PDB file of N, CA and C in Angstrom:
ATOM      1  N   MET A   1      67.263  63.202 158.018  1.00  0.00           N
ATOM      2  CA  MET A   1      68.049  62.470 158.992  1.00  0.00           C
ATOM      3  C   MET A   1      67.687  60.977 158.959  1.00  0.00           C
ATOM      4  N   LYS A   2      66.437  60.687 158.644  1.00  0.00           N
ATOM      5  CA  LYS A   2      65.996  59.306 158.572  1.00  0.00           C
ATOM      6  C   LYS A   2      66.765  58.531 157.503  1.00  0.00           C
ATOM      7  N   HIS A   3      67.123  59.199 156.419  1.00  0.00           N
ATOM      8  CA  HIS A   3      67.846  58.542 155.340  1.00  0.00           C
ATOM      9  C   HIS A   3      69.269  58.171 155.750  1.00  0.00           C
ATOM     10  N   VAL A   4      69.862  58.983 156.594  1.00  0.00           N
ATOM     11  CA  VAL A   4      71.223  58.698 157.065  1.00  0.00           C
ATOM     12  C   VAL A   4      71.221  57.404 157.873  1.00  0.00           C
ATOM     13  N   PHE A   5      70.249  57.234 158.748  1.00  0.00           N
ATOM     14  CA  PHE A   5      70.166  56.008 159.537  1.00  0.00           C
ATOM     15  C   PHE A   5      69.904  54.796 158.643  1.00  0.00           C
ATOM     16  N   TYR A   6      69.112  55.000 157.609  1.00  0.00           N
ATOM     17  CA  TYR A   6      68.837  53.919 156.676  1.00  0.00           C
ATOM     18  C   TYR A   6      70.108  53.498 155.943  1.00  0.00           C
ATOM     19  N   VAL A   7      70.911  54.469 155.516  1.00  0.00           N
ATOM     20  CA  VAL A   7      72.170  54.173 154.836  1.00  0.00           C
ATOM     21  C   VAL A   7      73.121  53.438 155.775  1.00  0.00           C
ATOM     22  N   VAL A   8      73.199  53.880 157.025  1.00  0.00           N
ATOM     23  CA  VAL A   8      74.057  53.210 158.006  1.00  0.00           C
ATOM     24  C   VAL A   8      73.573  51.781 158.223  1.00  0.00           C
ATOM     25  N   TYR A   9      72.276  51.578 158.303  1.00  0.00           N
ATOM     26  CA  TYR A   9      71.705  50.244 158.475  1.00  0.00           C
ATOM     27  C   TYR A   9      72.066  49.343 157.303  1.00  0.00           C
ATOM     28  N   ILE A  10      71.915  49.844 156.091  1.00  0.00           N
ATOM     29  CA  ILE A  10      72.224  49.061 154.897  1.00  0.00           C
ATOM     30  C   ILE A  10      73.711  48.712 154.862  1.00  0.00           C
ATOM     31  N   LEU A  11      74.580  49.670 155.159  1.00  0.00           N
ATOM     32  CA  LEU A  11      76.017  49.406 155.162  1.00  0.00           C
ATOM     33  C   LEU A  11      76.386  48.380 156.231  1.00  0.00           C
ATOM     34  N   PHE A  12      75.791  48.483 157.403  1.00  0.00           N
ATOM     35  CA  PHE A  12      76.066  47.521 158.472  1.00  0.00           C
ATOM     36  C   PHE A  12      75.602  46.127 158.069  1.00  0.00           C
ATOM     37  N   TYR A  13      74.411  46.039 157.507  1.00  0.00           N
ATOM     38  CA  TYR A  13      73.856  44.748 157.104  1.00  0.00           C
ATOM     39  C   TYR A  13      74.702  44.100 156.012  1.00  0.00           C
ATOM     40  N   THR A  14      75.063  44.868 154.967  1.00  0.00           N
ATOM     41  CA  THR A  14      75.867  44.301 153.892  1.00  0.00           C
ATOM     42  C   THR A  14      77.256  43.912 154.396  1.00  0.00           C
ATOM     43  N   GLY A  15      77.808  44.689 155.303  1.00  0.00           N
ATOM     44  CA  GLY A  15      79.101  44.332 155.888  1.00  0.00           C
ATOM     45  C   GLY A  15      79.020  43.046 156.686  1.00  0.00           C
ATOM     46  N   ALA A  16      77.936  42.880 157.435  1.00  0.00           N
ATOM     47  CA  ALA A  16      77.759  41.665 158.232  1.00  0.00           C
ATOM     48  C   ALA A  16      77.605  40.443 157.325  1.00  0.00           C
ATOM     49  N   VAL A  17      76.871  40.593 156.246  1.00  0.00           N
ATOM     50  CA  VAL A  17      76.704  39.480 155.307  1.00  0.00           C
ATOM     51  C   VAL A  17      78.042  39.141 154.653  1.00  0.00           C
ATOM     52  N   PHE A  18      78.830  40.155 154.309  1.00  0.00           N
ATOM     53  CA  PHE A  18      80.135  39.925 153.703  1.00  0.00           C
ATOM     54  C   PHE A  18      81.059  39.183 154.663  1.00  0.00           C
ATOM     55  N   VAL A  19      81.116  39.625 155.916  1.00  0.00           N
ATOM     56  CA  VAL A  19      81.986  38.985 156.907  1.00  0.00           C
ATOM     57  C   VAL A  19      81.529  37.552 157.164  1.00  0.00           C
ATOM     58  N   ALA A  20      80.222  37.329 157.223  1.00  0.00           N
ATOM     59  CA  ALA A  20      79.712  35.969 157.423  1.00  0.00           C
ATOM     60  C   ALA A  20      80.093  35.082 156.239  1.00  0.00           C
ATOM     61  N   GLY A  21      80.022  35.621 155.032  1.00  0.00           N
ATOM     62  CA  GLY A  21      80.418  34.863 153.849  1.00  0.00           C
ATOM     63  C   GLY A  21      81.894  34.522 153.863  1.00  0.00           C
ATOM     64  N   MET A  22      82.719  35.451 154.301  1.00  0.00           N
ATOM     65  CA  MET A  22      84.158  35.178 154.406  1.00  0.00           C
ATOM     66  C   MET A  22      84.419  34.091 155.445  1.00  0.00           C
ATOM     67  N   PHE A  23      83.711  34.141 156.553  1.00  0.00           N
ATOM     68  CA  PHE A  23      83.877  33.147 157.608  1.00  0.00           C
ATOM     69  C   PHE A  23      83.489  31.754 157.113  1.00  0.00           C
ATOM     70  N   VAL A  24      82.348  31.653 156.456  1.00  0.00           N
ATOM     71  CA  VAL A  24      81.897  30.366 155.925  1.00  0.00           C
ATOM     72  C   VAL A  24      82.863  29.878 154.846  1.00  0.00           C
ATOM     73  N   GLY A  25      83.339  30.779 154.004  1.00  0.00           N
ATOM     74  CA  GLY A  25      84.303  30.404 152.972  1.00  0.00           C
ATOM     75  C   GLY A  25      85.593  29.863 153.569  1.00  0.00           C
ATOM     76  N   GLN A  26      86.077  30.483 154.642  1.00  0.00           N
ATOM     77  CA  GLN A  26      87.277  29.997 155.316  1.00  0.00           C
ATOM     78  C   GLN A  26      87.055  28.592 155.876  1.00  0.00           C
ATOM     79  N   MET A  27      85.903  28.379 156.486  1.00  0.00           N
ATOM     80  CA  MET A  27      85.613  27.054 157.050  1.00  0.00           C
ATOM     81  C   MET A  27      85.583  25.998 155.951  1.00  0.00           C
ATOM     82  N   LEU A  28      84.936  26.303 154.841  1.00  0.00           N
ATOM     83  CA  LEU A  28      84.858  25.350 153.739  1.00  0.00           C
ATOM     84  C   LEU A  28      86.235  25.087 153.138  1.00  0.00           C
ATOM     85  N   GLU A  29      87.038  26.137 153.009  1.00  0.00           N
ATOM     86  CA  GLU A  29      88.375  25.968 152.441  1.00  0.00           C
ATOM     87  C   GLU A  29      89.260  25.122 153.354  1.00  0.00           C
ATOM     88  N   ARG A  30      89.164  25.337 154.657  1.00  0.00           N
ATOM     89  CA  ARG A  30      89.954  24.540 155.596  1.00  0.00           C
ATOM     90  C   ARG A  30      89.526  23.074 155.571  1.00  0.00           C
ATOM     91  N   ALA A  31      88.227  22.832 155.478  1.00  0.00           N
ATOM     92  CA  ALA A  31      87.737  21.452 155.401  1.00  0.00           C
ATOM     93  C   ALA A  31      88.221  20.793 154.109  1.00  0.00           C
ATOM     94  N   TRP A  32      88.173  21.534 153.010  1.00  0.00           N
ATOM     95  CA  TRP A  32      88.629  21.006 151.726  1.00  0.00           C
ATOM     96  C   TRP A  32      90.125  20.712 151.772  1.00  0.00           C
ATOM     97  N   ALA A  33      90.917  21.622 152.360  1.00  0.00           N
ATOM     98  CA  ALA A  33      92.363  21.419 152.448  1.00  0.00           C
ATOM     99  C   ALA A  33      92.691  20.207 153.322  1.00  0.00           C
ATOM    100  N   ALA A  34      91.927  20.008 154.392  1.00  0.00           N
ATOM    101  CA  ALA A  34      92.167  18.842 155.251  1.00  0.00           C
ATOM    102  C   ALA A  34      91.876  17.552 154.498  1.00  0.00           C
ATOM    103  N   ARG A  35      90.798  17.529 153.698  1.00  0.00           N
ATOM    104  CA  ARG A  35      90.492  16.341 152.904  1.00  0.00           C
ATOM    105  C   ARG A  35      91.576  16.087 151.863  1.00  0.00           C
ATOM    106  N   GLU A  36      92.074  17.145 151.225  1.00  0.00           N
ATOM    107  CA  GLU A  36      93.152  16.997 150.251  1.00  0.00           C
ATOM    108  C   GLU A  36      94.416  16.466 150.909  1.00  0.00           C
ATOM    109  N   LYS A  37      94.715  16.946 152.114  1.00  0.00           N
ATOM    110  CA  LYS A  37      95.916  16.497 152.818  1.00  0.00           C
ATOM    111  C   LYS A  37      95.822  15.014 153.150  1.00  0.00           C
ATOM    112  N   VAL A  38      94.647  14.569 153.573  1.00  0.00           N
ATOM    113  CA  VAL A  38      94.449  13.154 153.890  1.00  0.00           C
ATOM    114  C   VAL A  38      94.565  12.319 152.619  1.00  0.00           C
ATOM    115  N   THR A  39      94.021  12.810 151.521  1.00  0.00           N
ATOM    116  CA  THR A  39      94.058  12.076 150.261  1.00  0.00           C
ATOM    117  C   THR A  39      95.488  11.924 149.755  1.00  0.00           C
ATOM    118  N   ARG A  40      96.308  12.935 149.959  1.00  0.00           N
ATOM    119  CA  ARG A  40      97.671  12.906 149.438  1.00  0.00           C
ATOM    120  C   ARG A  40      98.669  12.260 150.387  1.00  0.00           C
ATOM    121  N   SER A  41      98.256  11.883 151.581  1.00  0.00           N
ATOM    122  CA  SER A  41      99.201  11.322 152.540  1.00  0.00           C
ATOM    123  C   SER A  41      99.686   9.944 152.075  1.00  0.00           C
ATOM    124  N   PRO A  42     100.945   9.598 152.361  1.00  0.00           N
ATOM    125  CA  PRO A  42     101.483   8.295 151.932  1.00  0.00           C
ATOM    126  C   PRO A  42     100.748   7.115 152.575  1.00  0.00           C
ATOM    127  N   ALA A  43     100.309   7.254 153.820  1.00  0.00           N
ATOM    128  CA  ALA A  43      99.588   6.163 154.478  1.00  0.00           C
ATOM    129  C   ALA A  43      98.286   5.865 153.748  1.00  0.00           C
ATOM    130  N   SER A  44      97.626   6.915 153.281  1.00  0.00           N
ATOM    131  CA  SER A  44      96.380   6.739 152.541  1.00  0.00           C
ATOM    132  C   SER A  44      96.638   6.010 151.225  1.00  0.00           C
ATOM    133  N   ALA A  45      97.722   6.348 150.560  1.00  0.00           N
ATOM    134  CA  ALA A  45      98.049   5.703 149.283  1.00  0.00           C
ATOM    135  C   ALA A  45      98.436   4.241 149.498  1.00  0.00           C
ATOM    136  N   ALA A  46      99.167   3.953 150.589  1.00  0.00           N
ATOM    137  CA  ALA A  46      99.582   2.580 150.858  1.00  0.00           C
ATOM    138  C   ALA A  46      98.387   1.718 151.252  1.00  0.00           C
ATOM    139  N   ALA A  47      97.483   2.279 152.017  1.00  0.00           N
ATOM    140  CA  ALA A  47      96.319   1.513 152.474  1.00  0.00           C
ATOM    141  C   ALA A  47      95.365   1.231 151.325  1.00  0.00           C
ATOM    142  N   GLY A  48      95.228   2.174 150.418  1.00  0.00           N
ATOM    143  CA  GLY A  48      94.284   2.007 149.327  1.00  0.00           C
ATOM    144  C   GLY A  48      94.880   1.376 148.096  1.00  0.00           C
ATOM    145  N   GLY A  49      96.162   1.147 148.096  1.00  0.00           N
ATOM    146  CA  GLY A  49      96.798   0.586 146.910  1.00  0.00           C
ATOM    147  C   GLY A  49      97.181   1.692 145.954  1.00  0.00           C
ATOM    148  N   LEU A  50      96.303   2.020 145.022  1.00  0.00           N
ATOM    149  CA  LEU A  50      96.565   3.068 144.050  1.00  0.00           C
ATOM    150  C   LEU A  50      95.993   4.390 144.540  1.00  0.00           C
ATOM    151  N   LEU A  51      96.561   5.466 144.029  1.00  0.00           N
ATOM    152  CA  LEU A  51      96.023   6.781 144.348  1.00  0.00           C
ATOM    153  C   LEU A  51      94.650   6.938 143.702  1.00  0.00           C
ATOM    154  N   SER A  52      93.820   7.700 144.339  1.00  0.00           N
ATOM    155  CA  SER A  52      92.504   7.927 143.750  1.00  0.00           C
ATOM    156  C   SER A  52      92.656   8.765 142.487  1.00  0.00           C
ATOM    157  N   GLU A  53      91.640   8.764 141.662  1.00  0.00           N
ATOM    158  CA  GLU A  53      91.697   9.478 140.387  1.00  0.00           C
ATOM    159  C   GLU A  53      91.841  10.974 140.604  1.00  0.00           C
ATOM    160  N   THR A  54      91.119  11.527 141.575  1.00  0.00           N
ATOM    161  CA  THR A  54      91.197  12.968 141.827  1.00  0.00           C
ATOM    162  C   THR A  54      92.567  13.347 142.346  1.00  0.00           C
ATOM    163  N   SER A  55      93.158  12.516 143.175  1.00  0.00           N
ATOM    164  CA  SER A  55      94.499  12.800 143.684  1.00  0.00           C
ATOM    165  C   SER A  55      95.524  12.751 142.564  1.00  0.00           C
ATOM    166  N   ALA A  56      95.403  11.778 141.672  1.00  0.00           N
ATOM    167  CA  ALA A  56      96.336  11.664 140.556  1.00  0.00           C
ATOM    168  C   ALA A  56      96.197  12.858 139.622  1.00  0.00           C
ATOM    169  N   GLN A  57      94.970  13.309 139.394  1.00  0.00           N
ATOM    170  CA  GLN A  57      94.762  14.471 138.548  1.00  0.00           C
ATOM    171  C   GLN A  57      95.338  15.719 139.173  1.00  0.00           C
ATOM    172  N   SER A  58      95.159  15.885 140.489  1.00  0.00           N
ATOM    173  CA  SER A  58      95.655  17.091 141.137  1.00  0.00           C
ATOM    174  C   SER A  58      97.174  17.100 141.177  1.00  0.00           C
ATOM    175  N   GLN A  59      97.812  15.934 141.249  1.00  0.00           N
ATOM    176  CA  GLN A  59      99.266  15.877 141.265  1.00  0.00           C
ATOM    177  C   GLN A  59      99.835  16.079 139.868  1.00  0.00           C
ATOM    178  N   ALA A  60      99.063  15.806 138.841  1.00  0.00           N
ATOM    179  CA  ALA A  60      99.539  15.966 137.474  1.00  0.00           C
ATOM    180  C   ALA A  60      99.567  17.430 137.059  1.00  0.00           C
ATOM    181  N   GLY A  61      98.763  18.270 137.660  1.00  0.00           N
ATOM    182  CA  GLY A  61      98.687  19.676 137.294  1.00  0.00           C
ATOM    183  C   GLY A  61      99.816  20.492 137.894  1.00  0.00           C
ATOM    184  N   ILE A  62      99.886  21.742 137.495  1.00  0.00           N
ATOM    185  CA  ILE A  62     100.888  22.658 138.022  1.00  0.00           C
ATOM    186  C   ILE A  62     100.371  23.219 139.341  1.00  0.00           C
ATOM    187  N   PRO A  63     101.167  23.159 140.405  1.00  0.00           N
ATOM    188  CA  PRO A  63     100.724  23.744 141.677  1.00  0.00           C
ATOM    189  C   PRO A  63     100.485  25.244 141.526  1.00  0.00           C
ATOM    190  N   MET A  64      99.586  25.764 142.317  1.00  0.00           N
ATOM    191  CA  MET A  64      99.234  27.173 142.203  1.00  0.00           C
ATOM    192  C   MET A  64     100.428  28.087 142.438  1.00  0.00           C
ATOM    193  N   ALA A  65     101.350  27.683 143.284  1.00  0.00           N
ATOM    194  CA  ALA A  65     102.500  28.520 143.595  1.00  0.00           C
ATOM    195  C   ALA A  65     103.434  28.653 142.399  1.00  0.00           C
ATOM    196  N   GLU A  66     103.336  27.769 141.427  1.00  0.00           N
ATOM    197  CA  GLU A  66     104.253  27.782 140.303  1.00  0.00           C
ATOM    198  C   GLU A  66     103.663  28.400 139.046  1.00  0.00           C
ATOM    199  N   HIS A  67     102.462  28.947 139.121  1.00  0.00           N
ATOM    200  CA  HIS A  67     101.890  29.615 137.958  1.00  0.00           C
ATOM    201  C   HIS A  67     102.648  30.902 137.704  1.00  0.00           C
ATOM    202  N   LYS A  68     103.130  31.058 136.491  1.00  0.00           N
ATOM    203  CA  LYS A  68     103.839  32.274 136.147  1.00  0.00           C
ATOM    204  C   LYS A  68     102.918  33.108 135.258  1.00  0.00           C
ATOM    205  N   VAL A  69     102.646  34.308 135.683  1.00  0.00           N
ATOM    206  CA  VAL A  69     101.739  35.191 134.955  1.00  0.00           C
ATOM    207  C   VAL A  69     102.482  36.484 134.656  1.00  0.00           C
ATOM    208  N   SER A  70     102.478  36.886 133.423  1.00  0.00           N
ATOM    209  CA  SER A  70     103.118  38.154 133.085  1.00  0.00           C
ATOM    210  C   SER A  70     102.037  39.189 132.831  1.00  0.00           C
ATOM    211  N   VAL A  71     102.292  40.370 133.320  1.00  0.00           N
ATOM    212  CA  VAL A  71     101.345  41.461 133.148  1.00  0.00           C
ATOM    213  C   VAL A  71     102.015  42.504 132.280  1.00  0.00           C
ATOM    214  N   SER A  72     101.359  42.892 131.218  1.00  0.00           N
ATOM    215  CA  SER A  72     101.935  43.850 130.292  1.00  0.00           C
ATOM    216  C   SER A  72     100.908  44.921 129.989  1.00  0.00           C
ATOM    217  N   SER A  73     101.382  46.116 129.750  1.00  0.00           N
ATOM    218  CA  SER A  73     100.464  47.193 129.388  1.00  0.00           C
ATOM    219  C   SER A  73     100.280  47.271 127.863  1.00  0.00           C
ATOM    220  N   LYS A  74     100.983  46.411 127.118  1.00  0.00           N
ATOM    221  CA  LYS A  74     100.843  46.405 125.650  1.00  0.00           C
ATOM    222  C   LYS A  74      99.539  45.738 125.261  1.00  0.00           C
ATOM    223  N   ARG A  75      98.923  46.232 124.201  1.00  0.00           N
ATOM    224  CA  ARG A  75      97.673  45.639 123.719  1.00  0.00           C
ATOM    225  C   ARG A  75      97.814  45.246 122.291  1.00  0.00           C
TER     226      ARG A  75
END
């Protein structure tokens, strides 16, 4: 019976660490998205003159929504 409680403890602990990691990841992603939004805003570009190098690079690439991926079972 002691082993069952140990397994429950391990599952609870790993679940808590996973949820905490997801929470921290969400916070970091939201902060990153807010910085990207500020960088890409027209007021930021007008105030700074030229777009920053990172902003120009990100605008030159294909947006994530437009990636076309085909999945095939052929090998």
